[in-house]
Amino acid sequence: TRIPIMAWVGLFYMGIFTSATSYLIYYAVLKQIQPTQLAIIITGQAPMTALLSWLIQGYGLSWTFIVGSGITLYGIYLTLQLPSGAKKALKTLPVITGA
């Protein structure tokens, strides 16, 4: 059987735009902020992807997903609004590396 050309286009798109570009942006941002802050922000990736798929492609969103996404985004907001003492503690956490 033959693989359709649109399947190859989709594979190319995923490889270039969703993987390579994401890694470039990730490491560029990592130079600007702490890893813990970046990890908190990345938590919002799933709700934002769902929102964009709803806006751009018209996919449906369930109420449970909307409520869960709202809770997640509010948690990110609260975490980023931590007092300066807590933010300082996050910056000084030891880095754990694998063996």
PDB file of N, CA and C in Angstrom:
ATOM      1  N   THR A   1       0.840  -1.191   0.000  1.00  0.00           N
ATOM      2  CA  THR A   1       0.000   0.000   0.000  1.00  0.00           C
ATOM      3  C   THR A   1       0.878   1.244   0.000  1.00  0.00           C
ATOM      4  N   ARG A   2       0.329   2.314  -0.506  1.00  0.00           N
ATOM      5  CA  ARG A   2       1.063   3.582  -0.575  1.00  0.00           C
ATOM      6  C   ARG A   2       0.630   4.505   0.558  1.00  0.00           C
ATOM      7  N   ILE A   3       1.554   5.290   1.024  1.00  0.00           N
ATOM      8  CA  ILE A   3       1.263   6.265   2.071  1.00  0.00           C
ATOM      9  C   ILE A   3       0.868   7.571   1.384  1.00  0.00           C
ATOM     10  N   PRO A   4      -0.282   8.147   1.744  1.00  0.00           N
ATOM     11  CA  PRO A   4      -0.728   9.394   1.099  1.00  0.00           C
ATOM     12  C   PRO A   4       0.252  10.538   1.362  1.00  0.00           C
ATOM     13  N   ILE A   5       0.325  11.459   0.417  1.00  0.00           N
ATOM     14  CA  ILE A   5       1.232  12.601   0.540  1.00  0.00           C
ATOM     15  C   ILE A   5       0.884  13.456   1.763  1.00  0.00           C
ATOM     16  N   MET A   6      -0.400  13.554   2.099  1.00  0.00           N
ATOM     17  CA  MET A   6      -0.788  14.354   3.267  1.00  0.00           C
ATOM     18  C   MET A   6      -0.290  13.731   4.566  1.00  0.00           C
ATOM     19  N   ALA A   7      -0.103  12.431   4.587  1.00  0.00           N
ATOM     20  CA  ALA A   7       0.482  11.797   5.768  1.00  0.00           C
ATOM     21  C   ALA A   7       1.935  12.229   5.921  1.00  0.00           C
ATOM     22  N   TRP A   8       2.658  12.310   4.805  1.00  0.00           N
ATOM     23  CA  TRP A   8       4.050  12.780   4.859  1.00  0.00           C
ATOM     24  C   TRP A   8       4.113  14.249   5.254  1.00  0.00           C
ATOM     25  N   VAL A   9       3.176  15.042   4.745  1.00  0.00           N
ATOM     26  CA  VAL A   9       3.124  16.467   5.117  1.00  0.00           C
ATOM     27  C   VAL A   9       2.858  16.595   6.612  1.00  0.00           C
ATOM     28  N   GLY A  10       1.933  15.800   7.131  1.00  0.00           N
ATOM     29  CA  GLY A  10       1.642  15.827   8.569  1.00  0.00           C
ATOM     30  C   GLY A  10       2.839  15.424   9.407  1.00  0.00           C
ATOM     31  N   LEU A  11       3.560  14.416   8.952  1.00  0.00           N
ATOM     32  CA  LEU A  11       4.763  13.979   9.666  1.00  0.00           C
ATOM     33  C   LEU A  11       5.827  15.074   9.665  1.00  0.00           C
ATOM     34  N   PHE A  12       6.015  15.707   8.531  1.00  0.00           N
ATOM     35  CA  PHE A  12       6.976  16.805   8.424  1.00  0.00           C
ATOM     36  C   PHE A  12       6.569  17.969   9.331  1.00  0.00           C
ATOM     37  N   TYR A  13       5.282  18.315   9.312  1.00  0.00           N
ATOM     38  CA  TYR A  13       4.776  19.392  10.158  1.00  0.00           C
ATOM     39  C   TYR A  13       5.033  19.093  11.627  1.00  0.00           C
ATOM     40  N   MET A  14       4.713  17.869  12.048  1.00  0.00           N
ATOM     41  CA  MET A  14       4.913  17.503  13.454  1.00  0.00           C
ATOM     42  C   MET A  14       6.387  17.542  13.825  1.00  0.00           C
ATOM     43  N   GLY A  15       7.238  17.092  12.940  1.00  0.00           N
ATOM     44  CA  GLY A  15       8.666  17.071  13.231  1.00  0.00           C
ATOM     45  C   GLY A  15       9.271  18.453  13.326  1.00  0.00           C
ATOM     46  N   ILE A  16       8.897  19.329  12.403  1.00  0.00           N
ATOM     47  CA  ILE A  16       9.493  20.664  12.374  1.00  0.00           C
ATOM     48  C   ILE A  16       8.821  21.610  13.360  1.00  0.00           C
ATOM     49  N   PHE A  17       7.524  21.755  13.248  1.00  0.00           N
ATOM     50  CA  PHE A  17       6.845  22.790  14.023  1.00  0.00           C
ATOM     51  C   PHE A  17       6.530  22.397  15.449  1.00  0.00           C
ATOM     52  N   THR A  18       6.034  21.203  15.654  1.00  0.00           N
ATOM     53  CA  THR A  18       5.633  20.880  17.015  1.00  0.00           C
ATOM     54  C   THR A  18       6.771  20.336  17.858  1.00  0.00           C
ATOM     55  N   SER A  19       7.778  19.763  17.264  1.00  0.00           N
ATOM     56  CA  SER A  19       8.879  19.214  18.059  1.00  0.00           C
ATOM     57  C   SER A  19      10.088  20.137  18.060  1.00  0.00           C
ATOM     58  N   ALA A  20      10.664  20.369  16.910  1.00  0.00           N
ATOM     59  CA  ALA A  20      11.894  21.166  16.839  1.00  0.00           C
ATOM     60  C   ALA A  20      11.676  22.591  17.335  1.00  0.00           C
ATOM     61  N   THR A  21      10.621  23.223  16.870  1.00  0.00           N
ATOM     62  CA  THR A  21      10.356  24.598  17.290  1.00  0.00           C
ATOM     63  C   THR A  21      10.063  24.662  18.789  1.00  0.00           C
ATOM     64  N   SER A  22       9.331  23.684  19.295  1.00  0.00           N
ATOM     65  CA  SER A  22       9.028  23.663  20.728  1.00  0.00           C
ATOM     66  C   SER A  22      10.298  23.561  21.566  1.00  0.00           C
ATOM     67  N   TYR A  23      11.225  22.707  21.156  1.00  0.00           N
ATOM     68  CA  TYR A  23      12.478  22.583  21.897  1.00  0.00           C
ATOM     69  C   TYR A  23      13.302  23.854  21.827  1.00  0.00           C
ATOM     70  N   LEU A  24      13.340  24.497  20.679  1.00  0.00           N
ATOM     71  CA  LEU A  24      14.082  25.754  20.558  1.00  0.00           C
ATOM     72  C   LEU A  24      13.494  26.824  21.477  1.00  0.00           C
ATOM     73  N   ILE A  25      12.184  26.936  21.486  1.00  0.00           N
ATOM     74  CA  ILE A  25      11.533  27.909  22.360  1.00  0.00           C
ATOM     75  C   ILE A  25      11.768  27.548  23.824  1.00  0.00           C
ATOM     76  N   TYR A  26      11.654  26.266  24.164  1.00  0.00           N
ATOM     77  CA  TYR A  26      11.850  25.813  25.538  1.00  0.00           C
ATOM     78  C   TYR A  26      13.226  26.222  26.058  1.00  0.00           C
ATOM     79  N   TYR A  27      14.274  25.935  25.292  1.00  0.00           N
ATOM     80  CA  TYR A  27      15.624  26.249  25.760  1.00  0.00           C
ATOM     81  C   TYR A  27      15.925  27.739  25.721  1.00  0.00           C
ATOM     82  N   ALA A  28      15.300  28.482  24.830  1.00  0.00           N
ATOM     83  CA  ALA A  28      15.457  29.936  24.827  1.00  0.00           C
ATOM     84  C   ALA A  28      14.824  30.533  26.081  1.00  0.00           C
ATOM     85  N   VAL A  29      13.646  30.047  26.453  1.00  0.00           N
ATOM     86  CA  VAL A  29      12.979  30.533  27.665  1.00  0.00           C
ATOM     87  C   VAL A  29      13.745  30.093  28.908  1.00  0.00           C
ATOM     88  N   LEU A  30      14.301  28.894  28.871  1.00  0.00           N
ATOM     89  CA  LEU A  30      15.041  28.373  30.020  1.00  0.00           C
ATOM     90  C   LEU A  30      16.251  29.242  30.355  1.00  0.00           C
ATOM     91  N   LYS A  31      16.811  29.931  29.375  1.00  0.00           N
ATOM     92  CA  LYS A  31      17.924  30.856  29.630  1.00  0.00           C
ATOM     93  C   LYS A  31      17.456  32.107  30.362  1.00  0.00           C
ATOM     94  N   GLN A  32      16.163  32.412  30.273  1.00  0.00           N
ATOM     95  CA  GLN A  32      15.625  33.642  30.843  1.00  0.00           C
ATOM     96  C   GLN A  32      15.022  33.462  32.238  1.00  0.00           C
ATOM     97  N   ILE A  33      14.456  32.282  32.522  1.00  0.00           N
ATOM     98  CA  ILE A  33      13.804  32.068  33.813  1.00  0.00           C
ATOM     99  C   ILE A  33      14.302  30.767  34.432  1.00  0.00           C
ATOM    100  N   GLN A  34      13.953  30.558  35.679  1.00  0.00           N
ATOM    101  CA  GLN A  34      14.358  29.367  36.417  1.00  0.00           C
ATOM    102  C   GLN A  34      13.612  28.130  35.903  1.00  0.00           C
ATOM    103  N   PRO A  35      14.236  26.956  35.986  1.00  0.00           N
ATOM    104  CA  PRO A  35      13.565  25.730  35.542  1.00  0.00           C
ATOM    105  C   PRO A  35      12.241  25.468  36.262  1.00  0.00           C
ATOM    106  N   THR A  36      12.173  25.794  37.548  1.00  0.00           N
ATOM    107  CA  THR A  36      10.922  25.569  38.278  1.00  0.00           C
ATOM    108  C   THR A  36       9.804  26.461  37.747  1.00  0.00           C
ATOM    109  N   GLN A  37      10.132  27.690  37.393  1.00  0.00           N
ATOM    110  CA  GLN A  37       9.127  28.586  36.835  1.00  0.00           C
ATOM    111  C   GLN A  37       8.651  28.079  35.473  1.00  0.00           C
ATOM    112  N   LEU A  38       9.577  27.603  34.664  1.00  0.00           N
ATOM    113  CA  LEU A  38       9.219  27.077  33.351  1.00  0.00           C
ATOM    114  C   LEU A  38       8.340  25.832  33.482  1.00  0.00           C
ATOM    115  N   ALA A  39       8.650  24.986  34.445  1.00  0.00           N
ATOM    116  CA  ALA A  39       7.842  23.787  34.661  1.00  0.00           C
ATOM    117  C   ALA A  39       6.410  24.160  35.048  1.00  0.00           C
ATOM    118  N   ILE A  40       6.257  25.199  35.848  1.00  0.00           N
ATOM    119  CA  ILE A  40       4.925  25.662  36.250  1.00  0.00           C
ATOM    120  C   ILE A  40       4.163  26.181  35.037  1.00  0.00           C
ATOM    121  N   ILE A  41       4.823  26.948  34.195  1.00  0.00           N
ATOM    122  CA  ILE A  41       4.179  27.520  33.022  1.00  0.00           C
ATOM    123  C   ILE A  41       3.786  26.430  32.022  1.00  0.00           C
ATOM    124  N   ILE A  42       4.630  25.413  31.866  1.00  0.00           N
ATOM    125  CA  ILE A  42       4.358  24.339  30.906  1.00  0.00           C
ATOM    126  C   ILE A  42       3.108  23.554  31.296  1.00  0.00           C
ATOM    127  N   THR A  43       2.738  23.590  32.568  1.00  0.00           N
ATOM    128  CA  THR A  43       1.532  22.906  33.012  1.00  0.00           C
ATOM    129  C   THR A  43       0.302  23.407  32.260  1.00  0.00           C
ATOM    130  N   GLY A  44       0.349  24.627  31.786  1.00  0.00           N
ATOM    131  CA  GLY A  44      -0.773  25.199  31.041  1.00  0.00           C
ATOM    132  C   GLY A  44      -0.839  24.784  29.589  1.00  0.00           C
ATOM    133  N   GLN A  45       0.072  23.940  29.147  1.00  0.00           N
ATOM    134  CA  GLN A  45       0.111  23.548  27.737  1.00  0.00           C
ATOM    135  C   GLN A  45      -1.157  22.810  27.296  1.00  0.00           C
ATOM    136  N   ALA A  46      -1.621  21.844  28.065  1.00  0.00           N
ATOM    137  CA  ALA A  46      -2.808  21.072  27.673  1.00  0.00           C
ATOM    138  C   ALA A  46      -4.064  21.936  27.577  1.00  0.00           C
ATOM    139  N   PRO A  47      -4.365  22.768  28.588  1.00  0.00           N
ATOM    140  CA  PRO A  47      -5.553  23.617  28.444  1.00  0.00           C
ATOM    141  C   PRO A  47      -5.453  24.587  27.266  1.00  0.00           C
ATOM    142  N   MET A  48      -4.277  25.142  27.029  1.00  0.00           N
ATOM    143  CA  MET A  48      -4.128  26.081  25.927  1.00  0.00           C
ATOM    144  C   MET A  48      -4.242  25.384  24.572  1.00  0.00           C
ATOM    145  N   THR A  49      -3.719  24.169  24.471  1.00  0.00           N
ATOM    146  CA  THR A  49      -3.852  23.407  23.228  1.00  0.00           C
ATOM    147  C   THR A  49      -5.314  23.111  22.949  1.00  0.00           C
ATOM    148  N   ALA A  50      -6.056  22.709  23.967  1.00  0.00           N
ATOM    149  CA  ALA A  50      -7.484  22.428  23.794  1.00  0.00           C
ATOM    150  C   ALA A  50      -8.243  23.691  23.400  1.00  0.00           C
ATOM    151  N   LEU A  51      -7.901  24.812  24.014  1.00  0.00           N
ATOM    152  CA  LEU A  51      -8.567  26.073  23.689  1.00  0.00           C
ATOM    153  C   LEU A  51      -8.308  26.453  22.229  1.00  0.00           C
ATOM    154  N   LEU A  52      -7.066  26.337  21.795  1.00  0.00           N
ATOM    155  CA  LEU A  52      -6.746  26.656  20.408  1.00  0.00           C
ATOM    156  C   LEU A  52      -7.412  25.700  19.434  1.00  0.00           C
ATOM    157  N   SER A  53      -7.499  24.416  19.785  1.00  0.00           N
ATOM    158  CA  SER A  53      -8.173  23.464  18.901  1.00  0.00           C
ATOM    159  C   SER A  53      -9.664  23.781  18.812  1.00  0.00           C
ATOM    160  N   TRP A  54     -10.230  24.291  19.884  1.00  0.00           N
ATOM    161  CA  TRP A  54     -11.633  24.694  19.862  1.00  0.00           C
ATOM    162  C   TRP A  54     -11.822  25.940  18.999  1.00  0.00           C
ATOM    163  N   LEU A  55     -10.936  26.934  19.168  1.00  0.00           N
ATOM    164  CA  LEU A  55     -11.048  28.185  18.417  1.00  0.00           C
ATOM    165  C   LEU A  55     -10.751  27.999  16.928  1.00  0.00           C
ATOM    166  N   ILE A  56      -9.694  27.261  16.625  1.00  0.00           N
ATOM    167  CA  ILE A  56      -9.233  27.160  15.241  1.00  0.00           C
ATOM    168  C   ILE A  56      -9.949  26.057  14.469  1.00  0.00           C
ATOM    169  N   GLN A  57     -10.116  24.895  15.087  1.00  0.00           N
ATOM    170  CA  GLN A  57     -10.658  23.758  14.351  1.00  0.00           C
ATOM    171  C   GLN A  57     -12.069  23.347  14.765  1.00  0.00           C
ATOM    172  N   GLY A  58     -12.605  23.986  15.783  1.00  0.00           N
ATOM    173  CA  GLY A  58     -13.977  23.718  16.176  1.00  0.00           C
ATOM    174  C   GLY A  58     -14.203  22.442  16.970  1.00  0.00           C
ATOM    175  N   TYR A  59     -13.147  21.890  17.575  1.00  0.00           N
ATOM    176  CA  TYR A  59     -13.324  20.687  18.401  1.00  0.00           C
ATOM    177  C   TYR A  59     -14.136  21.036  19.638  1.00  0.00           C
ATOM    178  N   GLY A  60     -14.909  20.078  20.110  1.00  0.00           N
ATOM    179  CA  GLY A  60     -15.739  20.294  21.286  1.00  0.00           C
ATOM    180  C   GLY A  60     -14.948  20.134  22.579  1.00  0.00           C
ATOM    181  N   LEU A  61     -15.380  20.847  23.589  1.00  0.00           N
ATOM    182  CA  LEU A  61     -14.771  20.753  24.914  1.00  0.00           C
ATOM    183  C   LEU A  61     -15.851  20.349  25.913  1.00  0.00           C
ATOM    184  N   SER A  62     -15.545  19.372  26.762  1.00  0.00           N
ATOM    185  CA  SER A  62     -16.510  18.959  27.783  1.00  0.00           C
ATOM    186  C   SER A  62     -16.433  19.908  28.977  1.00  0.00           C
ATOM    187  N   TRP A  63     -17.499  19.950  29.750  1.00  0.00           N
ATOM    188  CA  TRP A  63     -17.526  20.811  30.933  1.00  0.00           C
ATOM    189  C   TRP A  63     -16.470  20.390  31.951  1.00  0.00           C
ATOM    190  N   THR A  64     -16.253  19.098  32.077  1.00  0.00           N
ATOM    191  CA  THR A  64     -15.242  18.647  33.041  1.00  0.00           C
ATOM    192  C   THR A  64     -13.854  19.106  32.614  1.00  0.00           C
ATOM    193  N   PHE A  65     -13.588  19.089  31.314  1.00  0.00           N
ATOM    194  CA  PHE A  65     -12.290  19.569  30.841  1.00  0.00           C
ATOM    195  C   PHE A  65     -12.155  21.069  31.055  1.00  0.00           C
ATOM    196  N   ILE A  66     -13.227  21.808  30.815  1.00  0.00           N
ATOM    197  CA  ILE A  66     -13.191  23.257  31.008  1.00  0.00           C
ATOM    198  C   ILE A  66     -12.947  23.593  32.481  1.00  0.00           C
ATOM    199  N   VAL A  67     -13.648  22.911  33.375  1.00  0.00           N
ATOM    200  CA  VAL A  67     -13.461  23.151  34.815  1.00  0.00           C
ATOM    201  C   VAL A  67     -12.047  22.761  35.234  1.00  0.00           C
ATOM    202  N   GLY A  68     -11.579  21.607  34.787  1.00  0.00           N
ATOM    203  CA  GLY A  68     -10.217  21.171  35.115  1.00  0.00           C
ATOM    204  C   GLY A  68      -9.157  22.116  34.586  1.00  0.00           C
ATOM    205  N   SER A  69      -9.375  22.618  33.378  1.00  0.00           N
ATOM    206  CA  SER A  69      -8.422  23.569  32.793  1.00  0.00           C
ATOM    207  C   SER A  69      -8.420  24.880  33.573  1.00  0.00           C
ATOM    208  N   GLY A  70      -9.603  25.304  33.975  1.00  0.00           N
ATOM    209  CA  GLY A  70      -9.683  26.525  34.781  1.00  0.00           C
ATOM    210  C   GLY A  70      -8.946  26.383  36.102  1.00  0.00           C
ATOM    211  N   ILE A  71      -9.121  25.249  36.751  1.00  0.00           N
ATOM    212  CA  ILE A  71      -8.418  24.990  38.013  1.00  0.00           C
ATOM    213  C   ILE A  71      -6.910  24.958  37.785  1.00  0.00           C
ATOM    214  N   THR A  72      -6.484  24.323  36.696  1.00  0.00           N
ATOM    215  CA  THR A  72      -5.055  24.255  36.378  1.00  0.00           C
ATOM    216  C   THR A  72      -4.484  25.640  36.144  1.00  0.00           C
ATOM    217  N   LEU A  73      -5.148  26.441  35.317  1.00  0.00           N
ATOM    218  CA  LEU A  73      -4.649  27.793  35.019  1.00  0.00           C
ATOM    219  C   LEU A  73      -4.662  28.677  36.260  1.00  0.00           C
ATOM    220  N   TYR A  74      -5.675  28.523  37.113  1.00  0.00           N
ATOM    221  CA  TYR A  74      -5.712  29.288  38.363  1.00  0.00           C
ATOM    222  C   TYR A  74      -4.571  28.859  39.286  1.00  0.00           C
ATOM    223  N   GLY A  75      -4.273  27.568  39.315  1.00  0.00           N
ATOM    224  CA  GLY A  75      -3.143  27.081  40.107  1.00  0.00           C
ATOM    225  C   GLY A  75      -1.821  27.650  39.613  1.00  0.00           C
ATOM    226  N   ILE A  76      -1.670  27.754  38.302  1.00  0.00           N
ATOM    227  CA  ILE A  76      -0.457  28.367  37.735  1.00  0.00           C
ATOM    228  C   ILE A  76      -0.378  29.826  38.168  1.00  0.00           C
ATOM    229  N   TYR A  77      -1.490  30.530  38.070  1.00  0.00           N
ATOM    230  CA  TYR A  77      -1.526  31.935  38.482  1.00  0.00           C
ATOM    231  C   TYR A  77      -1.141  32.087  39.952  1.00  0.00           C
ATOM    232  N   LEU A  78      -1.742  31.246  40.821  1.00  0.00           N
ATOM    233  CA  LEU A  78      -1.419  31.336  42.245  1.00  0.00           C
ATOM    234  C   LEU A  78       0.049  31.033  42.514  1.00  0.00           C
ATOM    235  N   THR A  79       0.590  30.042  41.830  1.00  0.00           N
ATOM    236  CA  THR A  79       1.985  29.672  42.034  1.00  0.00           C
ATOM    237  C   THR A  79       2.920  30.794  41.612  1.00  0.00           C
ATOM    238  N   LEU A  80       2.601  31.444  40.515  1.00  0.00           N
ATOM    239  CA  LEU A  80       3.453  32.541  40.045  1.00  0.00           C
ATOM    240  C   LEU A  80       3.306  33.790  40.907  1.00  0.00           C
ATOM    241  N   GLN A  81       2.266  33.845  41.749  1.00  0.00           N
ATOM    242  CA  GLN A  81       2.050  34.979  42.646  1.00  0.00           C
ATOM    243  C   GLN A  81       2.574  34.719  44.058  1.00  0.00           C
ATOM    244  N   LEU A  82       3.431  33.720  44.205  1.00  0.00           N
ATOM    245  CA  LEU A  82       3.973  33.382  45.524  1.00  0.00           C
ATOM    246  C   LEU A  82       4.722  34.564  46.132  1.00  0.00           C
ATOM    247  N   PRO A  83       4.754  34.640  47.461  1.00  0.00           N
ATOM    248  CA  PRO A  83       5.557  35.678  48.112  1.00  0.00           C
ATOM    249  C   PRO A  83       7.033  35.522  47.730  1.00  0.00           C
ATOM    250  N   SER A  84       7.780  36.597  47.857  1.00  0.00           N
ATOM    251  CA  SER A  84       9.181  36.580  47.426  1.00  0.00           C
ATOM    252  C   SER A  84      10.006  35.530  48.169  1.00  0.00           C
ATOM    253  N   GLY A  85       9.703  35.244  49.432  1.00  0.00           N
ATOM    254  CA  GLY A  85      10.439  34.224  50.183  1.00  0.00           C
ATOM    255  C   GLY A  85      10.252  32.839  49.581  1.00  0.00           C
ATOM    256  N   ALA A  86       9.035  32.541  49.159  1.00  0.00           N
ATOM    257  CA  ALA A  86       8.768  31.240  48.541  1.00  0.00           C
ATOM    258  C   ALA A  86       9.424  31.157  47.168  1.00  0.00           C
ATOM    259  N   LYS A  87       9.412  32.262  46.424  1.00  0.00           N
ATOM    260  CA  LYS A  87      10.072  32.274  45.116  1.00  0.00           C
ATOM    261  C   LYS A  87      11.574  32.072  45.272  1.00  0.00           C
ATOM    262  N   LYS A  88      12.141  32.688  46.318  1.00  0.00           N
ATOM    263  CA  LYS A  88      13.578  32.525  46.552  1.00  0.00           C
ATOM    264  C   LYS A  88      13.905  31.081  46.889  1.00  0.00           C
ATOM    265  N   ALA A  89      13.034  30.430  47.651  1.00  0.00           N
ATOM    266  CA  ALA A  89      13.245  29.022  48.002  1.00  0.00           C
ATOM    267  C   ALA A  89      13.182  28.137  46.757  1.00  0.00           C
ATOM    268  N   LEU A  90      12.274  28.433  45.842  1.00  0.00           N
ATOM    269  CA  LEU A  90      12.183  27.656  44.600  1.00  0.00           C
ATOM    270  C   LEU A  90      13.453  27.792  43.765  1.00  0.00           C
ATOM    271  N   LYS A  91      14.046  28.981  43.778  1.00  0.00           N
ATOM    272  CA  LYS A  91      15.253  29.208  42.977  1.00  0.00           C
ATOM    273  C   LYS A  91      16.465  28.491  43.547  1.00  0.00           C
ATOM    274  N   THR A  92      16.450  28.199  44.848  1.00  0.00           N
ATOM    275  CA  THR A  92      17.617  27.611  45.478  1.00  0.00           C
ATOM    276  C   THR A  92      17.500  26.101  45.690  1.00  0.00           C
ATOM    277  N   LEU A  93      16.447  25.492  45.147  1.00  0.00           N
ATOM    278  CA  LEU A  93      16.302  24.048  45.280  1.00  0.00           C
ATOM    279  C   LEU A  93      17.464  23.337  44.587  1.00  0.00           C
ATOM    280  N   PRO A  94      17.968  22.266  45.182  1.00  0.00           N
ATOM    281  CA  PRO A  94      19.070  21.555  44.535  1.00  0.00           C
ATOM    282  C   PRO A  94      18.609  20.854  43.259  1.00  0.00           C
ATOM    283  N   VAL A  95      19.500  20.765  42.311  1.00  0.00           N
ATOM    284  CA  VAL A  95      19.202  20.079  41.063  1.00  0.00           C
ATOM    285  C   VAL A  95      19.515  18.614  41.251  1.00  0.00           C
ATOM    286  N   ILE A  96      18.553  17.750  40.926  1.00  0.00           N
ATOM    287  CA  ILE A  96      18.743  16.298  41.070  1.00  0.00           C
ATOM    288  C   ILE A  96      19.003  15.731  39.688  1.00  0.00           C
ATOM    289  N   THR A  97      20.119  15.062  39.543  1.00  0.00           N
ATOM    290  CA  THR A  97      20.457  14.463  38.259  1.00  0.00           C
ATOM    291  C   THR A  97      20.402  12.956  38.367  1.00  0.00           C
ATOM    292  N   GLY A  98      20.105  12.315  37.270  1.00  0.00           N
ATOM    293  CA  GLY A  98      20.048  10.855  37.247  1.00  0.00           C
ATOM    294  C   GLY A  98      21.439  10.247  37.278  1.00  0.00           C
ATOM    295  N   ALA A  99      21.512   9.017  37.730  1.00  0.00           N
ATOM    296  CA  ALA A  99      22.805   8.336  37.820  1.00  0.00           C
ATOM    297  C   ALA A  99      23.236   7.797  36.485  1.00  0.00           C
TER     298      ALA A  99
END
